[in-house]
Amino acid sequence: MLLFLPAYSTEFNPIEHTCASLKRYIKRFRHKFDSVIETIEYTFLNIGCFYGA
């Protein structure tokens, strides 16, 4: 039996939403840090705060 997959949609892929959120936060906080690496570290360490966890 051959099953066809539906067309790819970013709306139904949760990782796309997560990556978009990460990019948004990195852009928001990049002016506070000297490097992009520091900004990314800050974002990952505080991601629970951003989502209200």
PDB file of N, CA and C in Angstrom:
ATOM      1  N   MET A   1       0.847  -1.161   0.000  1.00  0.00           N
ATOM      2  CA  MET A   1       0.000   0.000   0.000  1.00  0.00           C
ATOM      3  C   MET A   1       0.905   1.241   0.000  1.00  0.00           C
ATOM      4  N   LEU A   2       0.602   2.185  -0.842  1.00  0.00           N
ATOM      5  CA  LEU A   2       1.362   3.413  -0.967  1.00  0.00           C
ATOM      6  C   LEU A   2       0.557   4.575  -0.389  1.00  0.00           C
ATOM      7  N   LEU A   3       1.154   5.265   0.590  1.00  0.00           N
ATOM      8  CA  LEU A   3       0.491   6.419   1.199  1.00  0.00           C
ATOM      9  C   LEU A   3       1.222   7.697   0.786  1.00  0.00           C
ATOM     10  N   PHE A   4       0.466   8.687   0.432  1.00  0.00           N
ATOM     11  CA  PHE A   4       1.064   9.964   0.062  1.00  0.00           C
ATOM     12  C   PHE A   4       1.032  10.908   1.251  1.00  0.00           C
ATOM     13  N   LEU A   5       2.127  11.631   1.436  1.00  0.00           N
ATOM     14  CA  LEU A   5       2.193  12.618   2.503  1.00  0.00           C
ATOM     15  C   LEU A   5       1.550  13.917   2.041  1.00  0.00           C
ATOM     16  N   PRO A   6       0.949  14.634   2.970  1.00  0.00           N
ATOM     17  CA  PRO A   6       0.366  15.918   2.581  1.00  0.00           C
ATOM     18  C   PRO A   6       1.478  16.920   2.250  1.00  0.00           C
ATOM     19  N   ALA A   7       1.112  17.976   1.588  1.00  0.00           N
ATOM     20  CA  ALA A   7       2.086  19.018   1.254  1.00  0.00           C
ATOM     21  C   ALA A   7       2.638  19.629   2.537  1.00  0.00           C
ATOM     22  N   TYR A   8       3.897  20.032   2.488  1.00  0.00           N
ATOM     23  CA  TYR A   8       4.544  20.607   3.661  1.00  0.00           C
ATOM     24  C   TYR A   8       3.936  21.971   3.971  1.00  0.00           C
ATOM     25  N   SER A   9       3.678  22.203   5.236  1.00  0.00           N
ATOM     26  CA  SER A   9       3.142  23.486   5.665  1.00  0.00           C
ATOM     27  C   SER A   9       3.838  23.917   6.943  1.00  0.00           C
ATOM     28  N   THR A  10       4.386  25.119   6.958  1.00  0.00           N
ATOM     29  CA  THR A  10       5.049  25.627   8.151  1.00  0.00           C
ATOM     30  C   THR A  10       4.056  25.909   9.274  1.00  0.00           C
ATOM     31  N   GLU A  11       2.806  26.101   8.933  1.00  0.00           N
ATOM     32  CA  GLU A  11       1.785  26.391   9.939  1.00  0.00           C
ATOM     33  C   GLU A  11       1.543  25.195  10.866  1.00  0.00           C
ATOM     34  N   PHE A  12       1.770  23.991  10.369  1.00  0.00           N
ATOM     35  CA  PHE A  12       1.505  22.792  11.159  1.00  0.00           C
ATOM     36  C   PHE A  12       2.769  22.180  11.763  1.00  0.00           C
ATOM     37  N   ASN A  13       3.896  22.842  11.609  1.00  0.00           N
ATOM     38  CA  ASN A  13       5.158  22.323  12.111  1.00  0.00           C
ATOM     39  C   ASN A  13       5.584  23.144  13.334  1.00  0.00           C
ATOM     40  N   PRO A  14       5.512  22.575  14.542  1.00  0.00           N
ATOM     41  CA  PRO A  14       5.807  23.352  15.747  1.00  0.00           C
ATOM     42  C   PRO A  14       7.249  23.847  15.830  1.00  0.00           C
ATOM     43  N   ILE A  15       8.197  23.159  15.210  1.00  0.00           N
ATOM     44  CA  ILE A  15       9.584  23.613  15.276  1.00  0.00           C
ATOM     45  C   ILE A  15       9.748  24.936  14.529  1.00  0.00           C
ATOM     46  N   GLU A  16       8.944  25.164  13.504  1.00  0.00           N
ATOM     47  CA  GLU A  16       8.999  26.432  12.777  1.00  0.00           C
ATOM     48  C   GLU A  16       8.594  27.586  13.687  1.00  0.00           C
ATOM     49  N   HIS A  17       7.567  27.375  14.498  1.00  0.00           N
ATOM     50  CA  HIS A  17       7.121  28.404  15.437  1.00  0.00           C
ATOM     51  C   HIS A  17       8.178  28.651  16.514  1.00  0.00           C
ATOM     52  N   THR A  18       8.810  27.593  16.979  1.00  0.00           N
ATOM     53  CA  THR A  18       9.852  27.726  17.997  1.00  0.00           C
ATOM     54  C   THR A  18      11.046  28.499  17.449  1.00  0.00           C
ATOM     55  N   CYS A  19      11.485  28.163  16.263  1.00  0.00           N
ATOM     56  CA  CYS A  19      12.615  28.874  15.655  1.00  0.00           C
ATOM     57  C   CYS A  19      12.277  30.339  15.414  1.00  0.00           C
ATOM     58  N   ALA A  20      11.066  30.611  14.990  1.00  0.00           N
ATOM     59  CA  ALA A  20      10.653  31.999  14.776  1.00  0.00           C
ATOM     60  C   ALA A  20      10.674  32.771  16.091  1.00  0.00           C
ATOM     61  N   SER A  21      10.234  32.138  17.170  1.00  0.00           N
ATOM     62  CA  SER A  21      10.251  32.793  18.483  1.00  0.00           C
ATOM     63  C   SER A  21      11.681  33.059  18.940  1.00  0.00           C
ATOM     64  N   LEU A  22      12.556  32.078  18.766  1.00  0.00           N
ATOM     65  CA  LEU A  22      13.956  32.258  19.151  1.00  0.00           C
ATOM     66  C   LEU A  22      14.596  33.412  18.378  1.00  0.00           C
ATOM     67  N   LYS A  23      14.351  33.468  17.082  1.00  0.00           N
ATOM     68  CA  LYS A  23      14.898  34.551  16.284  1.00  0.00           C
ATOM     69  C   LYS A  23      14.372  35.901  16.746  1.00  0.00           C
ATOM     70  N   ARG A  24      13.098  35.954  17.092  1.00  0.00           N
ATOM     71  CA  ARG A  24      12.491  37.203  17.554  1.00  0.00           C
ATOM     72  C   ARG A  24      13.147  37.676  18.851  1.00  0.00           C
ATOM     73  N   TYR A  25      13.360  36.762  19.800  1.00  0.00           N
ATOM     74  CA  TYR A  25      13.981  37.130  21.070  1.00  0.00           C
ATOM     75  C   TYR A  25      15.444  37.507  20.898  1.00  0.00           C
ATOM     76  N   ILE A  26      16.151  36.816  20.021  1.00  0.00           N
ATOM     77  CA  ILE A  26      17.550  37.149  19.772  1.00  0.00           C
ATOM     78  C   ILE A  26      17.657  38.558  19.190  1.00  0.00           C
ATOM     79  N   LYS A  27      16.777  38.878  18.257  1.00  0.00           N
ATOM     80  CA  LYS A  27      16.786  40.225  17.689  1.00  0.00           C
ATOM     81  C   LYS A  27      16.419  41.272  18.732  1.00  0.00           C
ATOM     82  N   ARG A  28      15.516  40.930  19.632  1.00  0.00           N
ATOM     83  CA  ARG A  28      15.064  41.868  20.661  1.00  0.00           C
ATOM     84  C   ARG A  28      16.177  42.209  21.646  1.00  0.00           C
ATOM     85  N   PHE A  29      17.008  41.234  22.001  1.00  0.00           N
ATOM     86  CA  PHE A  29      18.001  41.431  23.054  1.00  0.00           C
ATOM     87  C   PHE A  29      19.430  41.619  22.559  1.00  0.00           C
ATOM     88  N   ARG A  30      19.656  41.614  21.260  1.00  0.00           N
ATOM     89  CA  ARG A  30      21.034  41.656  20.764  1.00  0.00           C
ATOM     90  C   ARG A  30      21.747  42.965  21.089  1.00  0.00           C
ATOM     91  N   HIS A  31      21.033  44.038  21.291  1.00  0.00           N
ATOM     92  CA  HIS A  31      21.681  45.313  21.605  1.00  0.00           C
ATOM     93  C   HIS A  31      22.261  45.345  23.021  1.00  0.00           C
ATOM     94  N   LYS A  32      21.843  44.401  23.881  1.00  0.00           N
ATOM     95  CA  LYS A  32      22.322  44.367  25.267  1.00  0.00           C
ATOM     96  C   LYS A  32      23.675  43.675  25.416  1.00  0.00           C
ATOM     97  N   PHE A  33      24.115  42.961  24.389  1.00  0.00           N
ATOM     98  CA  PHE A  33      25.305  42.129  24.496  1.00  0.00           C
ATOM     99  C   PHE A  33      26.329  42.493  23.431  1.00  0.00           C
ATOM    100  N   ASP A  34      27.581  42.119  23.699  1.00  0.00           N
ATOM    101  CA  ASP A  34      28.672  42.418  22.773  1.00  0.00           C
ATOM    102  C   ASP A  34      28.744  41.439  21.602  1.00  0.00           C
ATOM    103  N   SER A  35      28.207  40.248  21.781  1.00  0.00           N
ATOM    104  CA  SER A  35      28.294  39.268  20.702  1.00  0.00           C
ATOM    105  C   SER A  35      26.965  38.529  20.553  1.00  0.00           C
ATOM    106  N   VAL A  36      26.826  37.929  19.394  1.00  0.00           N
ATOM    107  CA  VAL A  36      25.621  37.139  19.122  1.00  0.00           C
ATOM    108  C   VAL A  36      25.580  35.907  20.026  1.00  0.00           C
ATOM    109  N   ILE A  37      26.745  35.330  20.308  1.00  0.00           N
ATOM    110  CA  ILE A  37      26.820  34.142  21.162  1.00  0.00           C
ATOM    111  C   ILE A  37      26.268  34.448  22.548  1.00  0.00           C
ATOM    112  N   GLU A  38      26.630  35.591  23.109  1.00  0.00           N
ATOM    113  CA  GLU A  38      26.105  35.976  24.426  1.00  0.00           C
ATOM    114  C   GLU A  38      24.592  36.162  24.377  1.00  0.00           C
ATOM    115  N   THR A  39      24.111  36.728  23.301  1.00  0.00           N
ATOM    116  CA  THR A  39      22.665  36.922  23.139  1.00  0.00           C
ATOM    117  C   THR A  39      21.942  35.580  23.069  1.00  0.00           C
ATOM    118  N   ILE A  40      22.498  34.644  22.318  1.00  0.00           N
ATOM    119  CA  ILE A  40      21.883  33.321  22.197  1.00  0.00           C
ATOM    120  C   ILE A  40      21.906  32.600  23.546  1.00  0.00           C
ATOM    121  N   GLU A  41      23.011  32.689  24.265  1.00  0.00           N
ATOM    122  CA  GLU A  41      23.089  32.066  25.595  1.00  0.00           C
ATOM    123  C   GLU A  41      22.029  32.646  26.523  1.00  0.00           C
ATOM    124  N   TYR A  42      21.902  33.967  26.525  1.00  0.00           N
ATOM    125  CA  TYR A  42      20.895  34.628  27.363  1.00  0.00           C
ATOM    126  C   TYR A  42      19.491  34.142  26.985  1.00  0.00           C
ATOM    127  N   THR A  43      19.222  34.066  25.698  1.00  0.00           N
ATOM    128  CA  THR A  43      17.904  33.644  25.227  1.00  0.00           C
ATOM    129  C   THR A  43      17.591  32.234  25.693  1.00  0.00           C
ATOM    130  N   PHE A  44      18.537  31.297  25.517  1.00  0.00           N
ATOM    131  CA  PHE A  44      18.285  29.915  25.915  1.00  0.00           C
ATOM    132  C   PHE A  44      18.175  29.749  27.426  1.00  0.00           C
ATOM    133  N   LEU A  45      18.954  30.517  28.178  1.00  0.00           N
ATOM    134  CA  LEU A  45      18.882  30.411  29.634  1.00  0.00           C
ATOM    135  C   LEU A  45      17.586  30.996  30.198  1.00  0.00           C
ATOM    136  N   ASN A  46      16.990  31.915  29.480  1.00  0.00           N
ATOM    137  CA  ASN A  46      15.793  32.586  29.977  1.00  0.00           C
ATOM    138  C   ASN A  46      14.542  32.281  29.184  1.00  0.00           C
ATOM    139  N   ILE A  47      14.577  31.279  28.350  1.00  0.00           N
ATOM    140  CA  ILE A  47      13.436  30.979  27.486  1.00  0.00           C
ATOM    141  C   ILE A  47      12.168  30.666  28.290  1.00  0.00           C
ATOM    142  N   GLY A  48      12.309  30.069  29.462  1.00  0.00           N
ATOM    143  CA  GLY A  48      11.133  29.783  30.290  1.00  0.00           C
ATOM    144  C   GLY A  48      10.457  31.054  30.756  1.00  0.00           C
ATOM    145  N   CYS A  49      11.228  32.088  31.015  1.00  0.00           N
ATOM    146  CA  CYS A  49      10.672  33.368  31.426  1.00  0.00           C
ATOM    147  C   CYS A  49       9.851  33.993  30.305  1.00  0.00           C
ATOM    148  N   PHE A  50      10.302  33.803  29.056  1.00  0.00           N
ATOM    149  CA  PHE A  50       9.604  34.391  27.926  1.00  0.00           C
ATOM    150  C   PHE A  50       8.253  33.717  27.672  1.00  0.00           C
ATOM    151  N   TYR A  51       8.190  32.436  27.959  1.00  0.00           N
ATOM    152  CA  TYR A  51       6.964  31.683  27.718  1.00  0.00           C
ATOM    153  C   TYR A  51       6.075  31.603  28.951  1.00  0.00           C
ATOM    154  N   GLY A  52       6.462  32.252  30.012  1.00  0.00           N
ATOM    155  CA  GLY A  52       5.636  32.261  31.205  1.00  0.00           C
ATOM    156  C   GLY A  52       5.722  30.993  32.032  1.00  0.00           C
ATOM    157  N   ALA A  53       6.787  30.228  31.841  1.00  0.00           N
ATOM    158  CA  ALA A  53       6.944  28.973  32.591  1.00  0.00           C
ATOM    159  C   ALA A  53       7.505  29.234  33.965  1.00  0.00           C
TER     160      ALA A  53
END
